[in-house]
PDB file of N, CA and C in Angstrom:
ATOM      1  N   MET A   1     -12.110  23.431 -11.351  1.00  0.00           N
ATOM      2  CA  MET A   1     -13.045  22.740 -10.477  1.00  0.00           C
ATOM      3  C   MET A   1     -12.783  23.176  -9.037  1.00  0.00           C
ATOM      4  N   THR A   2     -13.835  23.452  -8.338  1.00  0.00           N
ATOM      5  CA  THR A   2     -13.708  23.815  -6.927  1.00  0.00           C
ATOM      6  C   THR A   2     -14.675  22.990  -6.095  1.00  0.00           C
ATOM      7  N   ILE A   3     -14.313  22.851  -4.860  1.00  0.00           N
ATOM      8  CA  ILE A   3     -15.161  22.137  -3.898  1.00  0.00           C
ATOM      9  C   ILE A   3     -15.966  23.187  -3.144  1.00  0.00           C
ATOM     10  N   SER A   4     -17.259  22.992  -3.111  1.00  0.00           N
ATOM     11  CA  SER A   4     -18.111  23.938  -2.395  1.00  0.00           C
ATOM     12  C   SER A   4     -18.350  23.450  -0.967  1.00  0.00           C
ATOM     13  N   ARG A   5     -18.850  24.338  -0.184  1.00  0.00           N
ATOM     14  CA  ARG A   5     -19.203  24.007   1.202  1.00  0.00           C
ATOM     15  C   ARG A   5     -20.233  22.875   1.222  1.00  0.00           C
ATOM     16  N   GLU A   6     -21.163  22.914   0.262  1.00  0.00           N
ATOM     17  CA  GLU A   6     -22.199  21.895   0.181  1.00  0.00           C
ATOM     18  C   GLU A   6     -21.593  20.527  -0.138  1.00  0.00           C
ATOM     19  N   ASP A   7     -20.547  20.509  -0.982  1.00  0.00           N
ATOM     20  CA  ASP A   7     -19.864  19.253  -1.302  1.00  0.00           C
ATOM     21  C   ASP A   7     -19.264  18.626  -0.044  1.00  0.00           C
ATOM     22  N   VAL A   8     -18.609  19.455   0.756  1.00  0.00           N
ATOM     23  CA  VAL A   8     -17.997  18.961   1.993  1.00  0.00           C
ATOM     24  C   VAL A   8     -19.067  18.454   2.946  1.00  0.00           C
ATOM     25  N   GLU A   9     -20.148  19.178   3.065  1.00  0.00           N
ATOM     26  CA  GLU A   9     -21.236  18.750   3.957  1.00  0.00           C
ATOM     27  C   GLU A   9     -21.869  17.442   3.464  1.00  0.00           C
ATOM     28  N   TYR A  10     -22.010  17.308   2.141  1.00  0.00           N
ATOM     29  CA  TYR A  10     -22.584  16.093   1.569  1.00  0.00           C
ATOM     30  C   TYR A  10     -21.704  14.880   1.857  1.00  0.00           C
ATOM     31  N   VAL A  11     -20.396  15.009   1.616  1.00  0.00           N
ATOM     32  CA  VAL A  11     -19.478  13.902   1.864  1.00  0.00           C
ATOM     33  C   VAL A  11     -19.415  13.583   3.351  1.00  0.00           C
ATOM     34  N   ALA A  12     -19.441  14.595   4.191  1.00  0.00           N
ATOM     35  CA  ALA A  12     -19.435  14.373   5.636  1.00  0.00           C
ATOM     36  C   ALA A  12     -20.683  13.595   6.054  1.00  0.00           C
ATOM     37  N   ALA A  13     -21.814  13.917   5.461  1.00  0.00           N
ATOM     38  CA  ALA A  13     -23.053  13.200   5.785  1.00  0.00           C
ATOM     39  C   ALA A  13     -22.964  11.742   5.333  1.00  0.00           C
ATOM     40  N   LEU A  14     -22.377  11.505   4.157  1.00  0.00           N
ATOM     41  CA  LEU A  14     -22.210  10.127   3.680  1.00  0.00           C
ATOM     42  C   LEU A  14     -21.314   9.326   4.613  1.00  0.00           C
ATOM     43  N   ALA A  15     -20.299   9.991   5.157  1.00  0.00           N
ATOM     44  CA  ALA A  15     -19.357   9.325   6.055  1.00  0.00           C
ATOM     45  C   ALA A  15     -19.841   9.343   7.497  1.00  0.00           C
ATOM     46  N   ARG A  16     -21.014   9.877   7.720  1.00  0.00           N
ATOM     47  CA  ARG A  16     -21.587   9.972   9.070  1.00  0.00           C
ATOM     48  C   ARG A  16     -20.673  10.767  10.016  1.00  0.00           C
ATOM     49  N   LEU A  17     -20.121  11.866   9.481  1.00  0.00           N
ATOM     50  CA  LEU A  17     -19.275  12.744  10.281  1.00  0.00           C
ATOM     51  C   LEU A  17     -20.050  13.996  10.652  1.00  0.00           C
ATOM     52  N   GLU A  18     -19.905  14.397  11.873  1.00  0.00           N
ATOM     53  CA  GLU A  18     -20.508  15.647  12.315  1.00  0.00           C
ATOM     54  C   GLU A  18     -19.402  16.692  12.370  1.00  0.00           C
ATOM     55  N   LEU A  19     -19.433  17.623  11.418  1.00  0.00           N
ATOM     56  CA  LEU A  19     -18.409  18.645  11.346  1.00  0.00           C
ATOM     57  C   LEU A  19     -18.939  19.960  11.914  1.00  0.00           C
ATOM     58  N   THR A  20     -18.058  20.667  12.583  1.00  0.00           N
ATOM     59  CA  THR A  20     -18.412  22.002  13.060  1.00  0.00           C
ATOM     60  C   THR A  20     -18.311  22.960  11.886  1.00  0.00           C
ATOM     61  N   GLU A  21     -18.803  24.179  12.084  1.00  0.00           N
ATOM     62  CA  GLU A  21     -18.697  25.196  11.046  1.00  0.00           C
ATOM     63  C   GLU A  21     -17.230  25.445  10.701  1.00  0.00           C
ATOM     64  N   GLN A  22     -16.382  25.512  11.732  1.00  0.00           N
ATOM     65  CA  GLN A  22     -14.949  25.747  11.540  1.00  0.00           C
ATOM     66  C   GLN A  22     -14.323  24.620  10.725  1.00  0.00           C
ATOM     67  N   GLU A  23     -14.647  23.366  11.036  1.00  0.00           N
ATOM     68  CA  GLU A  23     -14.081  22.220  10.311  1.00  0.00           C
ATOM     69  C   GLU A  23     -14.548  22.210   8.861  1.00  0.00           C
ATOM     70  N   THR A  24     -15.825  22.510   8.644  1.00  0.00           N
ATOM     71  CA  THR A  24     -16.349  22.551   7.283  1.00  0.00           C
ATOM     72  C   THR A  24     -15.603  23.591   6.458  1.00  0.00           C
ATOM     73  N   GLN A  25     -15.390  24.760   7.032  1.00  0.00           N
ATOM     74  CA  GLN A  25     -14.664  25.821   6.345  1.00  0.00           C
ATOM     75  C   GLN A  25     -13.218  25.408   6.065  1.00  0.00           C
ATOM     76  N   GLU A  26     -12.555  24.821   7.062  1.00  0.00           N
ATOM     77  CA  GLU A  26     -11.156  24.393   6.901  1.00  0.00           C
ATOM     78  C   GLU A  26     -11.028  23.314   5.828  1.00  0.00           C
ATOM     79  N   TYR A  27     -11.906  22.319   5.850  1.00  0.00           N
ATOM     80  CA  TYR A  27     -11.836  21.239   4.872  1.00  0.00           C
ATOM     81  C   TYR A  27     -12.121  21.759   3.457  1.00  0.00           C
ATOM     82  N   THR A  28     -13.050  22.690   3.337  1.00  0.00           N
ATOM     83  CA  THR A  28     -13.333  23.278   2.033  1.00  0.00           C
ATOM     84  C   THR A  28     -12.093  23.966   1.483  1.00  0.00           C
ATOM     85  N   GLU A  29     -11.431  24.745   2.315  1.00  0.00           N
ATOM     86  CA  GLU A  29     -10.218  25.449   1.898  1.00  0.00           C
ATOM     87  C   GLU A  29      -9.098  24.462   1.561  1.00  0.00           C
ATOM     88  N   GLN A  30      -8.912  23.447   2.405  1.00  0.00           N
ATOM     89  CA  GLN A  30      -7.841  22.483   2.182  1.00  0.00           C
ATOM     90  C   GLN A  30      -8.059  21.681   0.897  1.00  0.00           C
ATOM     91  N   LEU A  31      -9.283  21.240   0.674  1.00  0.00           N
ATOM     92  CA  LEU A  31      -9.566  20.470  -0.541  1.00  0.00           C
ATOM     93  C   LEU A  31      -9.386  21.326  -1.791  1.00  0.00           C
ATOM     94  N   ASN A  32      -9.792  22.580  -1.734  1.00  0.00           N
ATOM     95  CA  ASN A  32      -9.588  23.472  -2.871  1.00  0.00           C
ATOM     96  C   ASN A  32      -8.104  23.730  -3.105  1.00  0.00           C
ATOM     97  N   SER A  33      -7.331  23.802  -2.047  1.00  0.00           N
ATOM     98  CA  SER A  33      -5.889  23.974  -2.177  1.00  0.00           C
ATOM     99  C   SER A  33      -5.263  22.767  -2.873  1.00  0.00           C
ATOM    100  N   ILE A  34      -5.728  21.576  -2.521  1.00  0.00           N
ATOM    101  CA  ILE A  34      -5.235  20.355  -3.166  1.00  0.00           C
ATOM    102  C   ILE A  34      -5.593  20.357  -4.653  1.00  0.00           C
ATOM    103  N   LEU A  35      -6.815  20.743  -4.980  1.00  0.00           N
ATOM    104  CA  LEU A  35      -7.227  20.782  -6.385  1.00  0.00           C
ATOM    105  C   LEU A  35      -6.451  21.845  -7.161  1.00  0.00           C
ATOM    106  N   ASP A  36      -6.166  22.982  -6.537  1.00  0.00           N
ATOM    107  CA  ASP A  36      -5.357  24.021  -7.191  1.00  0.00           C
ATOM    108  C   ASP A  36      -3.966  23.489  -7.499  1.00  0.00           C
ATOM    109  N   TYR A  37      -3.378  22.752  -6.571  1.00  0.00           N
ATOM    110  CA  TYR A  37      -2.049  22.194  -6.782  1.00  0.00           C
ATOM    111  C   TYR A  37      -2.086  21.160  -7.909  1.00  0.00           C
ATOM    112  N   ALA A  38      -3.115  20.337  -7.944  1.00  0.00           N
ATOM    113  CA  ALA A  38      -3.250  19.345  -9.015  1.00  0.00           C
ATOM    114  C   ALA A  38      -3.400  20.038 -10.365  1.00  0.00           C
ATOM    115  N   ALA A  39      -4.137  21.136 -10.414  1.00  0.00           N
ATOM    116  CA  ALA A  39      -4.294  21.888 -11.655  1.00  0.00           C
ATOM    117  C   ALA A  39      -2.960  22.469 -12.097  1.00  0.00           C
ATOM    118  N   MET A  40      -2.156  22.928 -11.140  1.00  0.00           N
ATOM    119  CA  MET A  40      -0.839  23.451 -11.465  1.00  0.00           C
ATOM    120  C   MET A  40       0.041  22.350 -12.064  1.00  0.00           C
ATOM    121  N   LEU A  41      -0.040  21.140 -11.504  1.00  0.00           N
ATOM    122  CA  LEU A  41       0.743  20.022 -12.026  1.00  0.00           C
ATOM    123  C   LEU A  41       0.296  19.625 -13.430  1.00  0.00           C
ATOM    124  N   GLU A  42      -0.990  19.771 -13.719  1.00  0.00           N
ATOM    125  CA  GLU A  42      -1.501  19.430 -15.048  1.00  0.00           C
ATOM    126  C   GLU A  42      -0.934  20.355 -16.119  1.00  0.00           C
ATOM    127  N   ARG A  43      -0.533  21.568 -15.739  1.00  0.00           N
ATOM    128  CA  ARG A  43       0.001  22.529 -16.702  1.00  0.00           C
ATOM    129  C   ARG A  43       1.467  22.265 -17.050  1.00  0.00           C
ATOM    130  N   LEU A  44       2.127  21.379 -16.322  1.00  0.00           N
ATOM    131  CA  LEU A  44       3.525  21.083 -16.591  1.00  0.00           C
ATOM    132  C   LEU A  44       3.684  20.367 -17.920  1.00  0.00           C
ATOM    133  N   ASP A  45       4.767  20.694 -18.633  1.00  0.00           N
ATOM    134  CA  ASP A  45       5.075  20.039 -19.899  1.00  0.00           C
ATOM    135  C   ASP A  45       5.804  18.724 -19.607  1.00  0.00           C
ATOM    136  N   THR A  46       5.138  17.620 -19.856  1.00  0.00           N
ATOM    137  CA  THR A  46       5.728  16.304 -19.587  1.00  0.00           C
ATOM    138  C   THR A  46       5.919  15.497 -20.864  1.00  0.00           C
ATOM    139  N   ASP A  47       5.953  16.185 -22.003  1.00  0.00           N
ATOM    140  CA  ASP A  47       6.083  15.471 -23.282  1.00  0.00           C
ATOM    141  C   ASP A  47       7.374  14.681 -23.379  1.00  0.00           C
ATOM    142  N   ASN A  48       8.463  15.196 -22.854  1.00  0.00           N
ATOM    143  CA  ASN A  48       9.757  14.522 -22.979  1.00  0.00           C
ATOM    144  C   ASN A  48      10.164  13.788 -21.707  1.00  0.00           C
ATOM    145  N   VAL A  49       9.213  13.527 -20.842  1.00  0.00           N
ATOM    146  CA  VAL A  49       9.501  12.819 -19.597  1.00  0.00           C
ATOM    147  C   VAL A  49       9.086  11.360 -19.761  1.00  0.00           C
ATOM    148  N   VAL A  50      10.034  10.474 -19.520  1.00  0.00           N
ATOM    149  CA  VAL A  50       9.762   9.048 -19.653  1.00  0.00           C
ATOM    150  C   VAL A  50       8.955   8.577 -18.446  1.00  0.00           C
ATOM    151  N   PRO A  51       7.847   7.879 -18.672  1.00  0.00           N
ATOM    152  CA  PRO A  51       7.066   7.361 -17.546  1.00  0.00           C
ATOM    153  C   PRO A  51       7.882   6.366 -16.726  1.00  0.00           C
ATOM    154  N   THR A  52       7.732   6.418 -15.425  1.00  0.00           N
ATOM    155  CA  THR A  52       8.453   5.499 -14.546  1.00  0.00           C
ATOM    156  C   THR A  52       7.500   4.951 -13.493  1.00  0.00           C
ATOM    157  N   ALA A  53       7.874   3.804 -12.957  1.00  0.00           N
ATOM    158  CA  ALA A  53       7.108   3.213 -11.869  1.00  0.00           C
ATOM    159  C   ALA A  53       7.688   3.613 -10.524  1.00  0.00           C
ATOM    160  N   HIS A  54       8.973   4.041 -10.535  1.00  0.00           N
ATOM    161  CA  HIS A  54       9.650   4.421  -9.301  1.00  0.00           C
ATOM    162  C   HIS A  54      10.417   5.721  -9.529  1.00  0.00           C
ATOM    163  N   ALA A  55      10.592   6.475  -8.473  1.00  0.00           N
ATOM    164  CA  ALA A  55      11.305   7.745  -8.576  1.00  0.00           C
ATOM    165  C   ALA A  55      12.800   7.549  -8.813  1.00  0.00           C
ATOM    166  N   VAL A  56      13.339   6.450  -8.320  1.00  0.00           N
ATOM    167  CA  VAL A  56      14.760   6.151  -8.511  1.00  0.00           C
ATOM    168  C   VAL A  56      14.873   4.768  -9.138  1.00  0.00           C
ATOM    169  N   PRO A  57      15.927   4.532  -9.919  1.00  0.00           N
ATOM    170  CA  PRO A  57      16.072   3.213 -10.542  1.00  0.00           C
ATOM    171  C   PRO A  57      16.257   2.112  -9.491  1.00  0.00           C
ATOM    172  N   LEU A  58      15.603   1.000  -9.711  1.00  0.00           N
ATOM    173  CA  LEU A  58      15.727  -0.134  -8.804  1.00  0.00           C
ATOM    174  C   LEU A  58      16.480  -1.256  -9.495  1.00  0.00           C
ATOM    175  N   HIS A  59      17.318  -1.913  -8.739  1.00  0.00           N
ATOM    176  CA  HIS A  59      18.053  -3.057  -9.265  1.00  0.00           C
ATOM    177  C   HIS A  59      17.810  -4.246  -8.346  1.00  0.00           C
ATOM    178  N   ASN A  60      17.699  -5.416  -8.930  1.00  0.00           N
ATOM    179  CA  ASN A  60      17.486  -6.617  -8.145  1.00  0.00           C
ATOM    180  C   ASN A  60      18.769  -6.934  -7.376  1.00  0.00           C
ATOM    181  N   VAL A  61      18.680  -6.925  -6.052  1.00  0.00           N
ATOM    182  CA  VAL A  61      19.860  -7.184  -5.232  1.00  0.00           C
ATOM    183  C   VAL A  61      19.879  -8.612  -4.691  1.00  0.00           C
ATOM    184  N   LEU A  62      19.000  -9.447  -5.200  1.00  0.00           N
ATOM    185  CA  LEU A  62      18.950 -10.832  -4.753  1.00  0.00           C
ATOM    186  C   LEU A  62      19.971 -11.661  -5.511  1.00  0.00           C
ATOM    187  N   ARG A  63      20.431 -12.717  -4.900  1.00  0.00           N
ATOM    188  CA  ARG A  63      21.401 -13.588  -5.543  1.00  0.00           C
ATOM    189  C   ARG A  63      20.716 -14.400  -6.638  1.00  0.00           C
ATOM    190  N   GLN A  64      21.496 -14.921  -7.537  1.00  0.00           N
ATOM    191  CA  GLN A  64      20.978 -15.787  -8.585  1.00  0.00           C
ATOM    192  C   GLN A  64      20.540 -17.117  -7.966  1.00  0.00           C
ATOM    193  N   ASP A  65      19.497 -17.705  -8.500  1.00  0.00           N
ATOM    194  CA  ASP A  65      19.074 -19.029  -8.037  1.00  0.00           C
ATOM    195  C   ASP A  65      20.115 -20.054  -8.461  1.00  0.00           C
ATOM    196  N   GLN A  66      20.509 -20.881  -7.508  1.00  0.00           N
ATOM    197  CA  GLN A  66      21.484 -21.928  -7.801  1.00  0.00           C
ATOM    198  C   GLN A  66      20.990 -23.231  -7.198  1.00  0.00           C
ATOM    199  N   VAL A  67      21.071 -24.283  -7.993  1.00  0.00           N
ATOM    200  CA  VAL A  67      20.702 -25.602  -7.490  1.00  0.00           C
ATOM    201  C   VAL A  67      21.871 -26.107  -6.660  1.00  0.00           C
ATOM    202  N   ARG A  68      21.590 -26.509  -5.430  1.00  0.00           N
ATOM    203  CA  ARG A  68      22.629 -27.057  -4.569  1.00  0.00           C
ATOM    204  C   ARG A  68      22.000 -28.043  -3.604  1.00  0.00           C
ATOM    205  N   PRO A  69      22.799 -28.902  -3.013  1.00  0.00           N
ATOM    206  CA  PRO A  69      22.235 -29.919  -2.115  1.00  0.00           C
ATOM    207  C   PRO A  69      21.568 -29.271  -0.902  1.00  0.00           C
ATOM    208  N   SER A  70      20.498 -29.875  -0.431  1.00  0.00           N
ATOM    209  CA  SER A  70      19.814 -29.376   0.757  1.00  0.00           C
ATOM    210  C   SER A  70      19.823 -30.454   1.835  1.00  0.00           C
ATOM    211  N   ILE A  71      19.262 -30.159   2.966  1.00  0.00           N
ATOM    212  CA  ILE A  71      19.218 -31.089   4.090  1.00  0.00           C
ATOM    213  C   ILE A  71      18.350 -32.291   3.712  1.00  0.00           C
ATOM    214  N   ASN A  72      18.772 -33.479   4.103  1.00  0.00           N
ATOM    215  CA  ASN A  72      17.973 -34.651   3.748  1.00  0.00           C
ATOM    216  C   ASN A  72      16.761 -34.769   4.684  1.00  0.00           C
ATOM    217  N   HIS A  73      15.820 -35.569   4.258  1.00  0.00           N
ATOM    218  CA  HIS A  73      14.533 -35.686   4.935  1.00  0.00           C
ATOM    219  C   HIS A  73      14.685 -36.146   6.392  1.00  0.00           C
ATOM    220  N   GLU A  74      15.464 -37.164   6.624  1.00  0.00           N
ATOM    221  CA  GLU A  74      15.623 -37.693   7.980  1.00  0.00           C
ATOM    222  C   GLU A  74      16.275 -36.667   8.903  1.00  0.00           C
ATOM    223  N   LYS A  75      17.265 -35.976   8.399  1.00  0.00           N
ATOM    224  CA  LYS A  75      17.960 -34.974   9.208  1.00  0.00           C
ATOM    225  C   LYS A  75      17.009 -33.822   9.557  1.00  0.00           C
ATOM    226  N   ALA A  76      16.131 -33.439   8.635  1.00  0.00           N
ATOM    227  CA  ALA A  76      15.174 -32.365   8.878  1.00  0.00           C
ATOM    228  C   ALA A  76      14.197 -32.749   9.986  1.00  0.00           C
ATOM    229  N   LEU A  77      13.804 -34.018  10.042  1.00  0.00           N
ATOM    230  CA  LEU A  77      12.843 -34.472  11.043  1.00  0.00           C
ATOM    231  C   LEU A  77      13.493 -34.867  12.369  1.00  0.00           C
ATOM    232  N   ARG A  78      14.811 -34.943  12.418  1.00  0.00           N
ATOM    233  CA  ARG A  78      15.509 -35.423  13.600  1.00  0.00           C
ATOM    234  C   ARG A  78      15.174 -34.617  14.858  1.00  0.00           C
ATOM    235  N   ASN A  79      15.114 -33.287  14.768  1.00  0.00           N
ATOM    236  CA  ASN A  79      14.840 -32.451  15.937  1.00  0.00           C
ATOM    237  C   ASN A  79      13.370 -32.053  16.081  1.00  0.00           C
ATOM    238  N   ALA A  80      12.511 -32.629  15.269  1.00  0.00           N
ATOM    239  CA  ALA A  80      11.091 -32.311  15.361  1.00  0.00           C
ATOM    240  C   ALA A  80      10.534 -32.870  16.665  1.00  0.00           C
ATOM    241  N   PRO A  81       9.698 -32.109  17.374  1.00  0.00           N
ATOM    242  CA  PRO A  81       9.143 -32.612  18.625  1.00  0.00           C
ATOM    243  C   PRO A  81       8.254 -33.832  18.416  1.00  0.00           C
ATOM    244  N   ASP A  82       7.620 -33.908  17.243  1.00  0.00           N
ATOM    245  CA  ASP A  82       6.742 -35.035  16.977  1.00  0.00           C
ATOM    246  C   ASP A  82       6.688 -35.248  15.469  1.00  0.00           C
ATOM    247  N   GLY A  83       6.867 -36.455  15.044  1.00  0.00           N
ATOM    248  CA  GLY A  83       6.803 -36.770  13.628  1.00  0.00           C
ATOM    249  C   GLY A  83       5.915 -37.980  13.427  1.00  0.00           C
ATOM    250  N   GLU A  84       5.357 -38.089  12.218  1.00  0.00           N
ATOM    251  CA  GLU A  84       4.496 -39.228  11.921  1.00  0.00           C
ATOM    252  C   GLU A  84       4.618 -39.562  10.446  1.00  0.00           C
ATOM    253  N   GLU A  85       5.031 -40.780  10.156  1.00  0.00           N
ATOM    254  CA  GLU A  85       5.160 -41.280   8.791  1.00  0.00           C
ATOM    255  C   GLU A  85       6.020 -40.359   7.927  1.00  0.00           C
ATOM    256  N   GLY A  86       7.087 -39.811   8.505  1.00  0.00           N
ATOM    257  CA  GLY A  86       8.007 -38.984   7.738  1.00  0.00           C
ATOM    258  C   GLY A  86       7.595 -37.532   7.570  1.00  0.00           C
ATOM    259  N   PHE A  87       6.597 -37.101   8.328  1.00  0.00           N
ATOM    260  CA  PHE A  87       6.133 -35.717   8.243  1.00  0.00           C
ATOM    261  C   PHE A  87       6.180 -35.070   9.619  1.00  0.00           C
ATOM    262  N   PHE A  88       6.187 -33.742   9.672  1.00  0.00           N
ATOM    263  CA  PHE A  88       6.054 -33.034  10.936  1.00  0.00           C
ATOM    264  C   PHE A  88       4.624 -33.186  11.424  1.00  0.00           C
ATOM    265  N   ARG A  89       4.470 -33.516  12.683  1.00  0.00           N
ATOM    266  CA  ARG A  89       3.126 -33.600  13.268  1.00  0.00           C
ATOM    267  C   ARG A  89       2.919 -32.341  14.077  1.00  0.00           C
ATOM    268  N   VAL A  90       1.825 -31.643  13.809  1.00  0.00           N
ATOM    269  CA  VAL A  90       1.512 -30.385  14.489  1.00  0.00           C
ATOM    270  C   VAL A  90       0.130 -30.487  15.103  1.00  0.00           C
ATOM    271  N   PRO A  91      -0.152 -29.655  16.098  1.00  0.00           N
ATOM    272  CA  PRO A  91      -1.479 -29.685  16.707  1.00  0.00           C
ATOM    273  C   PRO A  91      -2.561 -29.297  15.699  1.00  0.00           C
ATOM    274  N   LYS A  92      -3.708 -29.905  15.838  1.00  0.00           N
ATOM    275  CA  LYS A  92      -4.843 -29.602  14.972  1.00  0.00           C
ATOM    276  C   LYS A  92      -5.345 -28.196  15.281  1.00  0.00           C
ATOM    277  N   ILE A  93      -5.550 -27.399  14.264  1.00  0.00           N
ATOM    278  CA  ILE A  93      -6.055 -26.026  14.432  1.00  0.00           C
ATOM    279  C   ILE A  93      -7.465 -25.992  13.852  1.00  0.00           C
ATOM    280  N   VAL A  94      -8.412 -25.605  14.652  1.00  0.00           N
ATOM    281  CA  VAL A  94      -9.794 -25.539  14.175  1.00  0.00           C
ATOM    282  C   VAL A  94     -10.285 -24.132  14.304  1.00  0.00           C
TER     283      VAL A  94
END
């Protein structure tokens, strides 16, 4: 599969881009180069390659969840600038 000059001009028109002759030629060459590289990758033998989601193995580095005591309600509200009925009072956002 190759990209023609007309393909580049068509896509440029859809994107409302005004390309010069030089840009049209460059983009045609660059897109064809990308497609050639993709075709080369398609020829690789990947039968014995295990599919992966990441290039390197990832391990969870987070700590285990542990139930432990937390700050009590009154202490949490003690330094609040404004509280109402046991809740933080914040400015109304509209």
